[in-house]
Amino acid sequence: MSALFPTYARWNITPVKGIGSKLIDADGKEYLDFISGIAVCNLGHCHPKVVSAVEEQMKKIWHVSNLFQIEGQEQVAKHLVDHSVGDYVFFCNSGAEANEAAIKLARKSTGKHHIVSLTNSFHGRTLGSMAATGQDKIHQGFGPLLTEFSYIEMNDTHALKNAVTDKTAAIMVEVIQGEGGIRLMSEEYAEALKAICDQFGCLLIIDEVQTGIGRTGTAFAYEQLALSPDIITVAKGLGNGFPVGALIGKEHLKEAFSPGSHGSTFGGNPLAMAAAQAVLTEVFNPKLLKSVQENGEWFKLELEQKLGKYSIVEEIRGKGLMLGVACQMEVAPIIKDCMEKGLLVLPAGPKVLRILPPLVATKNELERASEILVTVFQKLEQKQSVNI
C-alpha cells in the first residue's frame, strides 16, 4: 500500500531514465515523451549543459538563504529582463508561487483588490492562485476563496469592458490557455486588453508559466500579440525540471516589493540559478527559437493534413511546440492508445489532446509522433464507423 496521498490519478508507468525526447520505464520500454514534464523539460531530459551546470554548482554551495548576495540570481535576472519588457525579478520555486507573488504585488502596488481573470484559466493550486483560476472543479471542496476575483470568457471584449472598473487592480491572463484546452487569445482581444488597462490604470499580469521560455517560438508568448505586461510569471521550463519560478515586473512596481514585503526560503537558491542560467543560455539562442517556430509550423500543418480528415477531429490549434487536437470525444482512450504505441501525450480538458514536445525534438521524432497519432485516430475512426 502506498504511503502517498492519492492526489494524482497516476499512469501505470515508472520512468527510470530520460535522454532528450526519450523516456525509458522500469520494464525497459522506450517512449517518445511529448509531455516534457508538462512543458517543463523544454531542452529534453538530462540536457548535458544543464546537468553540467548543476553538477558544478553542487560542488560549490547549495543553499545560503536570501540574506546573502547570490551571484547566480543577478545573472538569471539579467537574462530575463533582457528578453522581456520587465525590469526586476523575484525568484521562487514554482508557477503557483510566482502567481501568488503577482497577486500580492498587484494588490500592494495599486492599493486595490479586485482582479479579473478568465474562465478556463489555470494559475495554480494555492489559495490565491486557485482563486485566480477560472475553473469550478479546481475550487470545489475548499470553502471560501480569496475574494474579489471576477471571471470572464477569453476573447469576449464586451465582457472585458463590463468587468473592469476603477477598483480593479489587475487583469490576469494566459495568452494561450494550457490546461483550459490550448485556447489562443485573439489580436482583437489583446488590443482591447491594452486599451482597458490604459483607461482604468490597472495592471496587466500575463501568466507565462506554460507558454514561456521559448515554448511558442519566442522567449515569451505575449511578444506575438505586441502586449506589454506589467507582470510576467514563469516557472516550468525555466529550470528544465529543477524547481524554480520567477516573477518579472516593471520599474514602477519596485517600491511595492521592498525589504520584508515578500520572500522565499528556497527561491533563487544557487542550484536553481545554475540550472536556469544554463537553460536560458540555450533556449534564448535565436537559432533555437527559430527552429521552434519552423518545426512548430511544420508539425501543426502535418497534423492538420493527416488528422484533420477524421470526423472525430474538430481543430488543430496552438503555437510553436504547444499544440492541441480538439476532438468530438473524450481523449482519455486516445492517450492510452498512444501510450501503448510509445508516444506520451496528455489532455487539456476532457476533449483536447495536448502535445508538448521538447523544443529540441528532431524532425524525425515529430514525424514518428505524427505516424503514431495517425495510426491511433485511424483505428478510432474505423471503430466508430463499425458502431454506426
Protein backbone atom coordinates (compact mmCIF):
# COMPACT_ATOMS: atom_id res chain seq x y z
CA MET A 1 0.00 0.00 0.00
CA SER A 2 1.33 3.42 -0.93
CA ALA A 3 2.10 5.98 1.80
CA LEU A 4 1.29 8.80 -0.65
CA PHE A 5 -1.88 10.89 -0.59
CA PRO A 6 -3.90 9.89 -3.69
CA THR A 7 -3.83 13.40 -5.19
CA TYR A 8 -2.88 12.13 -8.65
CA ALA A 9 -4.51 9.60 -10.97
CA ARG A 10 -1.18 8.05 -11.84
CA TRP A 11 -0.42 6.13 -15.02
CA ASN A 12 0.98 2.63 -14.83
CA ILE A 13 4.45 3.75 -15.95
CA THR A 14 7.55 4.08 -13.76
CA PRO A 15 10.18 6.17 -15.58
CA VAL A 16 13.78 5.37 -14.68
CA LYS A 17 15.76 7.22 -17.33
CA GLY A 18 15.35 10.09 -19.77
CA ILE A 19 17.53 11.18 -22.67
CA GLY A 20 16.42 14.08 -24.85
CA SER A 21 12.92 13.30 -26.13
CA LYS A 22 13.11 9.70 -24.96
CA LEU A 23 11.76 8.27 -21.69
CA ILE A 24 12.54 4.73 -20.54
CA ASP A 25 10.44 2.90 -17.94
CA ALA A 26 11.31 0.26 -15.36
CA ASP A 27 10.46 -2.52 -17.84
CA GLY A 28 12.86 -1.10 -20.44
CA LYS A 29 10.12 0.22 -22.73
CA GLU A 30 11.01 3.40 -24.60
CA TYR A 31 8.57 6.27 -25.12
CA LEU A 32 8.66 9.41 -27.20
CA ASP A 33 7.97 11.94 -24.45
CA PHE A 34 5.77 14.68 -25.92
CA ILE A 35 4.61 15.74 -22.46
CA SER A 36 8.04 17.07 -21.43
CA GLY A 37 7.04 17.03 -17.78
CA ILE A 38 4.04 19.23 -18.75
CA ALA A 39 6.09 21.84 -20.66
CA VAL A 40 8.96 21.65 -18.17
CA CYS A 41 11.78 19.78 -19.90
CA ASN A 42 11.97 22.19 -22.83
CA LEU A 43 15.55 21.06 -23.54
CA GLY A 44 14.61 17.40 -23.16
CA HIS A 45 15.68 15.05 -20.39
CA CYS A 46 19.18 15.35 -18.92
CA HIS A 47 20.41 18.05 -21.28
CA PRO A 48 24.22 17.90 -20.92
CA LYS A 49 24.73 21.63 -20.36
CA VAL A 50 22.07 21.80 -17.64
CA VAL A 51 23.44 18.65 -15.98
CA SER A 52 26.97 20.04 -16.10
CA ALA A 53 25.93 23.41 -14.66
CA VAL A 54 24.07 21.85 -11.72
CA GLU A 55 26.84 19.32 -11.02
CA GLU A 56 29.44 22.09 -10.98
CA GLN A 57 27.34 24.21 -8.60
CA MET A 58 26.70 21.23 -6.29
CA LYS A 59 30.43 21.05 -5.63
CA LYS A 60 30.48 24.71 -4.56
CA ILE A 61 27.42 25.61 -2.49
CA TRP A 62 23.75 24.57 -2.43
CA HIS A 63 21.97 26.98 -0.12
CA VAL A 64 22.70 30.10 1.91
CA SER A 65 19.32 31.96 2.07
CA ASN A 66 18.39 35.29 0.58
CA LEU A 67 20.14 37.18 3.37
CA PHE A 68 23.21 36.92 1.14
CA GLN A 69 24.11 38.18 -2.31
CA ILE A 70 23.69 35.27 -4.74
CA GLU A 71 25.58 35.90 -7.95
CA GLY A 72 23.51 33.46 -9.98
CA GLN A 73 20.33 35.43 -9.24
CA GLU A 74 21.81 38.55 -10.81
CA GLN A 75 22.83 36.60 -13.93
CA VAL A 76 19.47 34.88 -14.41
CA ALA A 77 17.53 38.07 -13.64
CA LYS A 78 19.53 39.94 -16.30
CA HIS A 79 18.72 37.20 -18.83
CA LEU A 80 15.02 37.52 -18.04
CA VAL A 81 14.81 41.31 -18.18
CA ASP A 82 16.98 41.50 -21.30
CA HIS A 83 14.47 39.26 -23.10
CA SER A 84 11.26 40.79 -21.71
CA VAL A 85 9.61 44.14 -21.04
CA GLY A 86 10.34 43.78 -17.32
CA ASP A 87 12.98 45.45 -15.18
CA TYR A 88 13.11 43.46 -11.92
CA VAL A 89 12.80 39.81 -10.92
CA PHE A 90 11.66 37.94 -7.81
CA PHE A 91 12.64 34.25 -7.60
CA CYS A 92 10.52 31.49 -6.07
CA ASN A 93 10.07 27.73 -6.59
CA SER A 94 7.01 27.19 -8.80
CA GLY A 95 4.40 28.72 -11.06
CA ALA A 96 1.83 28.81 -8.28
CA GLU A 97 4.27 30.75 -6.09
CA ALA A 98 5.04 33.15 -8.93
CA ASN A 99 1.31 33.78 -9.37
CA GLU A 100 0.83 34.26 -5.62
CA ALA A 101 3.58 36.87 -5.76
CA ALA A 102 1.88 38.53 -8.73
CA ILE A 103 -1.43 38.78 -6.87
CA LYS A 104 0.29 40.25 -3.82
CA LEU A 105 2.30 42.72 -5.90
CA ALA A 106 -0.77 43.87 -7.85
CA ARG A 107 -2.77 44.47 -4.66
CA LYS A 108 0.05 46.20 -2.79
CA SER A 109 1.24 48.41 -5.64
CA THR A 110 -2.24 49.63 -6.63
CA GLY A 111 -3.95 49.68 -3.25
CA LYS A 112 -6.86 47.88 -4.94
CA HIS A 113 -8.04 44.28 -4.52
CA HIS A 114 -10.27 43.37 -7.46
CA ILE A 115 -8.64 41.17 -10.11
CA VAL A 116 -10.23 40.00 -13.37
CA SER A 117 -9.17 36.61 -14.75
CA LEU A 118 -10.50 34.28 -17.41
CA THR A 119 -12.73 31.22 -17.37
CA ASN A 120 -10.86 28.03 -18.29
CA SER A 121 -7.67 29.59 -16.91
CA PHE A 122 -5.23 27.81 -14.63
CA HIS A 123 -2.87 29.67 -12.30
CA GLY A 124 -2.09 27.14 -9.55
CA ARG A 125 -3.50 25.34 -6.53
CA THR A 126 -2.51 27.54 -3.59
CA LEU A 127 -5.43 29.52 -2.15
CA GLY A 128 -4.58 32.74 -4.01
CA SER A 129 -3.66 31.20 -7.35
CA MET A 130 -6.63 28.84 -7.07
CA ALA A 131 -8.92 31.85 -6.61
CA ALA A 132 -7.43 33.35 -9.77
CA THR A 133 -8.19 30.13 -11.67
CA GLY A 134 -11.48 30.31 -13.55
CA GLN A 135 -12.48 26.65 -13.19
CA ASP A 136 -15.11 25.47 -10.70
CA LYS A 137 -13.59 21.98 -10.49
CA ILE A 138 -10.39 23.47 -9.04
CA HIS A 139 -12.39 25.37 -6.38
CA GLN A 140 -14.66 22.57 -5.20
CA GLY A 141 -14.33 21.43 -1.59
CA PHE A 142 -12.05 24.16 -0.29
CA GLY A 143 -14.58 26.60 1.12
CA PRO A 144 -14.45 30.39 0.72
CA LEU A 145 -11.72 31.53 -1.63
CA LEU A 146 -9.72 34.74 -1.71
CA THR A 147 -12.33 37.35 -2.55
CA GLU A 148 -12.66 39.97 -5.27
CA PHE A 149 -11.94 37.86 -8.33
CA SER A 150 -14.15 38.05 -11.43
CA TYR A 151 -14.05 35.54 -14.30
CA ILE A 152 -14.83 36.33 -17.93
CA GLU A 153 -14.51 34.45 -21.22
CA MET A 154 -11.34 34.88 -23.24
CA ASN A 155 -11.83 36.86 -26.48
CA ASP A 156 -15.12 38.38 -25.31
CA THR A 157 -14.30 42.10 -25.48
CA HIS A 158 -17.80 43.09 -24.33
CA ALA A 159 -17.42 41.05 -21.13
CA LEU A 160 -13.98 42.55 -20.58
CA LYS A 161 -15.29 46.11 -20.79
CA ASN A 162 -18.09 45.30 -18.36
CA ALA A 163 -15.84 43.56 -15.82
CA VAL A 164 -13.19 46.21 -15.28
CA THR A 165 -13.82 49.25 -13.06
CA ASP A 166 -11.73 51.91 -11.35
CA LYS A 167 -11.49 49.47 -8.41
CA THR A 168 -9.73 46.82 -10.50
CA ALA A 169 -6.09 46.22 -9.55
CA ALA A 170 -5.19 43.92 -12.43
CA ILE A 171 -6.29 41.71 -15.29
CA MET A 172 -4.62 38.29 -15.14
CA VAL A 173 -4.46 36.20 -18.32
CA GLU A 174 -2.71 33.44 -20.24
CA VAL A 175 -2.23 34.28 -23.91
CA ILE A 176 -2.63 30.56 -24.63
CA GLN A 177 -4.65 28.65 -22.08
CA GLY A 178 -2.84 25.36 -21.50
CA GLU A 179 -4.95 23.43 -19.01
CA GLY A 180 -8.02 25.15 -20.45
CA GLY A 181 -7.74 23.49 -23.87
CA ILE A 182 -4.97 25.24 -25.86
CA ARG A 183 -7.19 28.28 -26.40
CA LEU A 184 -5.46 31.21 -28.10
CA MET A 185 -6.03 34.88 -27.38
CA SER A 186 -7.09 36.88 -30.44
CA GLU A 187 -5.30 40.02 -31.63
CA GLU A 188 -8.54 41.96 -31.20
CA TYR A 189 -8.77 40.89 -27.56
CA ALA A 190 -5.13 41.79 -26.94
CA GLU A 191 -5.80 45.29 -28.28
CA ALA A 192 -8.83 45.57 -26.01
CA LEU A 193 -6.73 44.49 -23.01
CA LYS A 194 -4.22 47.25 -23.69
CA ALA A 195 -6.94 49.85 -24.07
CA ILE A 196 -8.80 48.81 -20.90
CA CYS A 197 -5.61 48.75 -18.80
CA ASP A 198 -4.71 52.24 -20.05
CA GLN A 199 -8.24 53.54 -19.42
CA PHE A 200 -8.53 52.30 -15.83
CA GLY A 201 -4.88 52.29 -14.82
CA CYS A 202 -4.93 48.62 -13.88
CA LEU A 203 -2.02 46.22 -14.23
CA LEU A 204 -1.73 43.53 -16.87
CA ILE A 205 -0.45 40.22 -15.46
CA ILE A 206 0.47 37.56 -18.01
CA ASP A 207 0.94 34.02 -16.75
CA GLU A 208 3.68 32.52 -18.93
CA VAL A 209 4.25 29.51 -16.70
CA GLN A 210 3.45 27.09 -19.53
CA THR A 211 3.95 29.31 -22.59
CA GLY A 212 7.21 30.95 -21.54
CA ILE A 213 10.87 30.08 -22.01
CA GLY A 214 10.61 29.50 -25.76
CA ARG A 215 7.64 27.12 -25.82
CA THR A 216 5.74 29.03 -28.53
CA GLY A 217 8.77 30.07 -30.62
CA THR A 218 9.56 33.37 -28.89
CA ALA A 219 11.08 33.93 -25.46
CA PHE A 220 7.57 34.71 -24.19
CA ALA A 221 4.24 34.19 -25.92
CA TYR A 222 2.96 37.71 -25.21
CA GLU A 223 5.51 39.06 -27.73
CA GLN A 224 3.45 37.61 -30.58
CA LEU A 225 0.50 39.84 -29.62
CA ALA A 226 2.52 43.02 -29.06
CA LEU A 227 1.42 43.16 -25.42
CA SER A 228 3.49 44.87 -22.72
CA PRO A 229 2.57 43.27 -19.38
CA ASP A 230 3.37 44.92 -16.07
CA ILE A 231 3.96 41.50 -14.51
CA ILE A 232 5.06 38.23 -16.13
CA THR A 233 5.15 34.93 -14.25
CA VAL A 234 7.32 31.99 -15.31
CA ALA A 235 8.35 28.58 -13.99
CA LYS A 236 8.14 25.12 -15.65
CA GLY A 237 10.68 25.44 -18.50
CA LEU A 238 12.87 27.86 -16.55
CA GLY A 239 14.76 25.09 -14.77
CA ASN A 240 14.20 22.20 -17.23
CA GLY A 241 12.98 20.11 -14.29
CA PHE A 242 14.79 21.81 -11.44
CA PRO A 243 12.15 23.56 -9.29
CA VAL A 244 12.31 27.30 -9.95
CA GLY A 245 9.83 30.08 -10.67
CA ALA A 246 10.07 33.82 -11.18
CA LEU A 247 8.03 37.00 -11.27
CA ILE A 248 9.22 39.67 -13.70
CA GLY A 249 7.92 43.19 -13.11
CA LYS A 250 8.27 46.68 -14.48
CA GLU A 251 10.18 49.56 -12.89
CA HIS A 252 7.11 51.26 -11.41
CA LEU A 253 6.44 48.22 -9.17
CA LYS A 254 9.84 48.18 -7.49
CA GLU A 255 8.90 50.07 -4.33
CA ALA A 256 5.91 47.81 -3.58
CA PHE A 257 8.27 44.85 -3.14
CA SER A 258 10.55 46.48 -0.61
CA PRO A 259 12.52 44.52 2.05
CA GLY A 260 10.20 42.36 4.16
CA SER A 261 7.22 42.61 1.80
CA HIS A 262 7.66 39.16 0.28
CA GLY A 263 10.13 36.30 0.41
CA SER A 264 11.03 32.66 -0.15
CA THR A 265 13.42 30.44 1.78
CA PHE A 266 14.50 28.40 -1.23
CA GLY A 267 13.65 30.86 -4.02
CA GLY A 268 16.65 31.66 -6.20
CA ASN A 269 18.96 29.17 -4.48
CA PRO A 270 22.35 28.60 -6.17
CA LEU A 271 21.40 25.20 -7.64
CA ALA A 272 18.21 26.53 -9.21
CA MET A 273 20.06 29.51 -10.62
CA ALA A 274 22.74 27.30 -12.16
CA ALA A 275 20.03 25.27 -13.91
CA ALA A 276 18.13 28.37 -15.05
CA GLN A 277 21.24 30.10 -16.36
CA ALA A 278 22.14 27.06 -18.46
CA VAL A 279 18.54 26.79 -19.74
CA LEU A 280 18.22 30.44 -20.73
CA THR A 281 21.58 30.46 -22.48
CA GLU A 282 20.37 27.60 -24.67
CA VAL A 283 16.69 28.50 -25.14
CA PHE A 284 17.07 32.22 -25.81
CA ASN A 285 19.51 31.47 -28.61
CA PRO A 286 17.85 32.89 -31.78
CA LYS A 287 18.69 29.71 -33.71
CA LEU A 288 16.78 27.52 -31.27
CA LEU A 289 13.77 29.87 -31.17
CA LYS A 290 13.70 29.93 -34.98
CA SER A 291 13.76 26.13 -35.08
CA VAL A 292 10.83 26.01 -32.62
CA GLN A 293 8.86 28.32 -34.91
CA GLU A 294 9.71 26.33 -38.04
CA ASN A 295 9.22 22.89 -36.51
CA GLY A 296 6.03 24.03 -34.81
CA GLU A 297 4.56 25.34 -38.08
CA TRP A 298 5.57 22.17 -39.91
CA PHE A 299 4.20 19.87 -37.19
CA LYS A 300 0.91 21.75 -36.94
CA LEU A 301 0.44 21.59 -40.72
CA GLU A 302 1.33 17.90 -40.67
CA LEU A 303 -1.33 17.22 -38.03
CA GLU A 304 -3.91 19.34 -39.87
CA GLN A 305 -3.32 17.41 -43.09
CA LYS A 306 -3.14 13.93 -41.56
CA LEU A 307 -5.61 14.14 -38.66
CA GLY A 308 -7.96 16.80 -39.97
CA LYS A 309 -9.62 14.31 -42.32
CA TYR A 310 -11.00 12.27 -39.43
CA SER A 311 -14.53 13.11 -38.31
CA ILE A 312 -13.63 12.97 -34.60
CA VAL A 313 -11.08 15.80 -35.05
CA GLU A 314 -12.52 19.32 -34.83
CA GLU A 315 -9.41 21.50 -34.93
CA ILE A 316 -5.63 21.59 -34.57
CA ARG A 317 -4.60 24.67 -32.61
CA GLY A 318 -1.65 26.19 -30.83
CA LYS A 319 1.65 27.98 -31.41
CA GLY A 320 5.20 26.73 -31.67
CA LEU A 321 5.52 23.39 -29.91
CA MET A 322 2.41 23.84 -27.77
CA LEU A 323 -0.33 22.17 -29.79
CA GLY A 324 -3.80 20.82 -29.16
CA VAL A 325 -6.03 18.41 -31.08
CA ALA A 326 -9.64 19.32 -30.27
CA CYS A 327 -11.86 16.26 -30.60
CA GLN A 328 -15.56 15.38 -30.56
CA MET A 329 -14.91 12.70 -27.96
CA GLU A 330 -13.06 12.46 -24.68
CA VAL A 331 -9.37 11.95 -25.30
CA ALA A 332 -8.56 9.56 -22.42
CA PRO A 333 -8.72 6.45 -24.67
CA ILE A 334 -6.63 8.23 -27.32
CA ILE A 335 -3.94 8.96 -24.74
CA LYS A 336 -3.97 5.31 -23.64
CA ASP A 337 -3.63 4.05 -27.23
CA CYS A 338 -0.77 6.46 -27.90
CA MET A 339 0.96 5.31 -24.73
CA GLU A 340 0.73 1.67 -25.79
CA LYS A 341 2.40 2.62 -29.08
CA GLY A 342 5.20 4.51 -27.37
CA LEU A 343 4.01 8.12 -27.53
CA LEU A 344 3.27 10.14 -24.41
CA VAL A 345 0.74 12.97 -24.72
CA LEU A 346 -1.78 14.39 -22.24
CA PRO A 347 -5.18 16.07 -22.04
CA ALA A 348 -6.05 19.77 -21.89
CA GLY A 349 -9.58 19.37 -20.65
CA PRO A 350 -11.66 16.28 -21.46
CA LYS A 351 -11.76 16.67 -25.26
CA VAL A 352 -8.42 18.21 -26.22
CA LEU A 353 -5.22 16.26 -26.77
CA ARG A 354 -2.22 18.35 -25.64
CA ILE A 355 1.12 17.82 -27.39
CA LEU A 356 4.23 19.37 -25.83
CA PRO A 357 7.42 18.06 -27.47
CA PRO A 358 10.79 19.17 -26.13
CA LEU A 359 11.96 22.26 -28.01
CA VAL A 360 14.93 20.21 -29.19
CA ALA A 361 12.80 17.40 -30.68
CA THR A 362 14.09 16.43 -34.12
CA LYS A 363 12.08 16.40 -37.32
CA ASN A 364 12.34 12.59 -37.31
CA GLU A 365 10.83 12.48 -33.80
CA LEU A 366 7.99 14.78 -34.84
CA GLU A 367 7.35 12.57 -37.87
CA ARG A 368 7.32 9.46 -35.68
CA ALA A 369 4.78 11.09 -33.34
CA SER A 370 2.64 12.03 -36.33
CA GLU A 371 2.69 8.44 -37.58
CA ILE A 372 1.57 7.09 -34.19
CA LEU A 373 -1.24 9.64 -33.96
CA VAL A 374 -2.45 8.74 -37.45
CA THR A 375 -2.48 5.05 -36.53
CA VAL A 376 -4.46 5.75 -33.35
CA PHE A 377 -7.01 8.08 -34.97
CA GLN A 378 -7.44 5.80 -37.98
CA LYS A 379 -8.27 2.88 -35.68
CA LEU A 380 -10.77 5.01 -33.72
CA GLU A 381 -12.43 6.22 -36.92
CA GLN A 382 -12.82 2.68 -38.17
CA LYS A 383 -14.23 1.58 -34.84
CA GLN A 384 -16.78 4.39 -34.87
CA SER A 385 -17.80 3.52 -38.43
CA VAL A 386 -18.46 -0.09 -37.42
CA ASN A 387 -20.53 1.03 -34.42
CA ILE A 388 -22.64 3.25 -36.65
